[in-house]
């Protein structure tokens, strides 16, 4: 059975053949990208998640 896809996610597979060095390089890029996205959109993301009930008001 196929899972219902969340509109905020994109599913993809991670290769099982990466070396630890390759995995770390990808991790670093994704982490840097996440930081850049948060720096630019953080407040808007929080706003959206609160309005759509994805986070509790106390959280």
C-alpha atoms as a PDB file:
ATOM      1  CA  UNK A   1       0.000   0.000   0.000  1.00  0.00           C
ATOM      2  CA  UNK A   2       1.345   3.413  -0.965  1.00  0.00           C
ATOM      3  CA  UNK A   3       1.646   6.001   1.803  1.00  0.00           C
ATOM      4  CA  UNK A   4      -0.138   9.322   1.417  1.00  0.00           C
ATOM      5  CA  UNK A   5       2.522  11.886   0.563  1.00  0.00           C
ATOM      6  CA  UNK A   6       2.738  14.944   2.785  1.00  0.00           C
ATOM      7  CA  UNK A   7       2.685  18.116   0.700  1.00  0.00           C
ATOM      8  CA  UNK A   8       5.824  19.254   2.542  1.00  0.00           C
ATOM      9  CA  UNK A   9       7.943  16.218   1.634  1.00  0.00           C
ATOM     10  CA  UNK A  10       9.489  14.534  -1.356  1.00  0.00           C
ATOM     11  CA  UNK A  11      10.310  10.873  -0.972  1.00  0.00           C
ATOM     12  CA  UNK A  12      13.523   9.519  -2.419  1.00  0.00           C
ATOM     13  CA  UNK A  13      15.940   6.704  -1.744  1.00  0.00           C
ATOM     14  CA  UNK A  14      19.472   7.107  -0.454  1.00  0.00           C
ATOM     15  CA  UNK A  15      22.012   4.890  -2.191  1.00  0.00           C
ATOM     16  CA  UNK A  16      23.363   2.057  -0.059  1.00  0.00           C
ATOM     17  CA  UNK A  17      26.709   2.100  -1.874  1.00  0.00           C
ATOM     18  CA  UNK A  18      28.045   5.492  -0.741  1.00  0.00           C
ATOM     19  CA  UNK A  19      31.337   5.536   1.080  1.00  0.00           C
ATOM     20  CA  UNK A  20      31.320   7.159   4.523  1.00  0.00           C
ATOM     21  CA  UNK A  21      33.140  10.111   2.944  1.00  0.00           C
ATOM     22  CA  UNK A  22      30.433  10.510   0.299  1.00  0.00           C
ATOM     23  CA  UNK A  23      27.697  10.258   2.908  1.00  0.00           C
ATOM     24  CA  UNK A  24      29.408  12.937   5.004  1.00  0.00           C
ATOM     25  CA  UNK A  25      29.772  15.217   1.977  1.00  0.00           C
ATOM     26  CA  UNK A  26      26.064  14.890   1.182  1.00  0.00           C
ATOM     27  CA  UNK A  27      25.186  15.406   4.849  1.00  0.00           C
ATOM     28  CA  UNK A  28      27.259  18.600   4.924  1.00  0.00           C
ATOM     29  CA  UNK A  29      25.592  19.976   1.788  1.00  0.00           C
ATOM     30  CA  UNK A  30      22.098  19.174   3.067  1.00  0.00           C
ATOM     31  CA  UNK A  31      22.909  20.652   6.468  1.00  0.00           C
ATOM     32  CA  UNK A  32      24.243  23.849   4.869  1.00  0.00           C
ATOM     33  CA  UNK A  33      21.173  24.059   2.633  1.00  0.00           C
ATOM     34  CA  UNK A  34      18.913  23.596   5.642  1.00  0.00           C
ATOM     35  CA  UNK A  35      20.704  26.434   7.453  1.00  0.00           C
ATOM     36  CA  UNK A  36      20.339  28.752   4.440  1.00  0.00           C
ATOM     37  CA  UNK A  37      16.634  27.921   4.088  1.00  0.00           C
ATOM     38  CA  UNK A  38      16.060  28.483   7.802  1.00  0.00           C
ATOM     39  CA  UNK A  39      17.968  31.794   7.757  1.00  0.00           C
ATOM     40  CA  UNK A  40      15.779  33.064   4.933  1.00  0.00           C
ATOM     41  CA  UNK A  41      12.400  31.439   5.652  1.00  0.00           C
ATOM     42  CA  UNK A  42      12.516  30.464   9.351  1.00  0.00           C
ATOM     43  CA  UNK A  43       9.887  32.907  10.599  1.00  0.00           C
ATOM     44  CA  UNK A  44       7.578  32.174   7.677  1.00  0.00           C
ATOM     45  CA  UNK A  45       8.000  28.422   8.218  1.00  0.00           C
ATOM     46  CA  UNK A  46       7.112  28.788  11.900  1.00  0.00           C
ATOM     47  CA  UNK A  47       4.131  30.939  10.975  1.00  0.00           C
ATOM     48  CA  UNK A  48       2.897  28.382   8.467  1.00  0.00           C
ATOM     49  CA  UNK A  49       3.347  25.412  10.787  1.00  0.00           C
ATOM     50  CA  UNK A  50       1.491  27.152  13.589  1.00  0.00           C
ATOM     51  CA  UNK A  51      -1.371  28.211  11.302  1.00  0.00           C
ATOM     52  CA  UNK A  52      -1.706  24.749   9.792  1.00  0.00           C
ATOM     53  CA  UNK A  53      -1.595  23.032  13.197  1.00  0.00           C
ATOM     54  CA  UNK A  54       1.682  21.209  12.548  1.00  0.00           C
ATOM     55  CA  UNK A  55       3.140  22.588  15.792  1.00  0.00           C
ATOM     56  CA  UNK A  56       1.290  23.336  18.993  1.00  0.00           C
ATOM     57  CA  UNK A  57       1.155  26.949  20.109  1.00  0.00           C
ATOM     58  CA  UNK A  58       3.116  25.998  23.235  1.00  0.00           C
ATOM     59  CA  UNK A  59       5.811  24.171  21.217  1.00  0.00           C
END
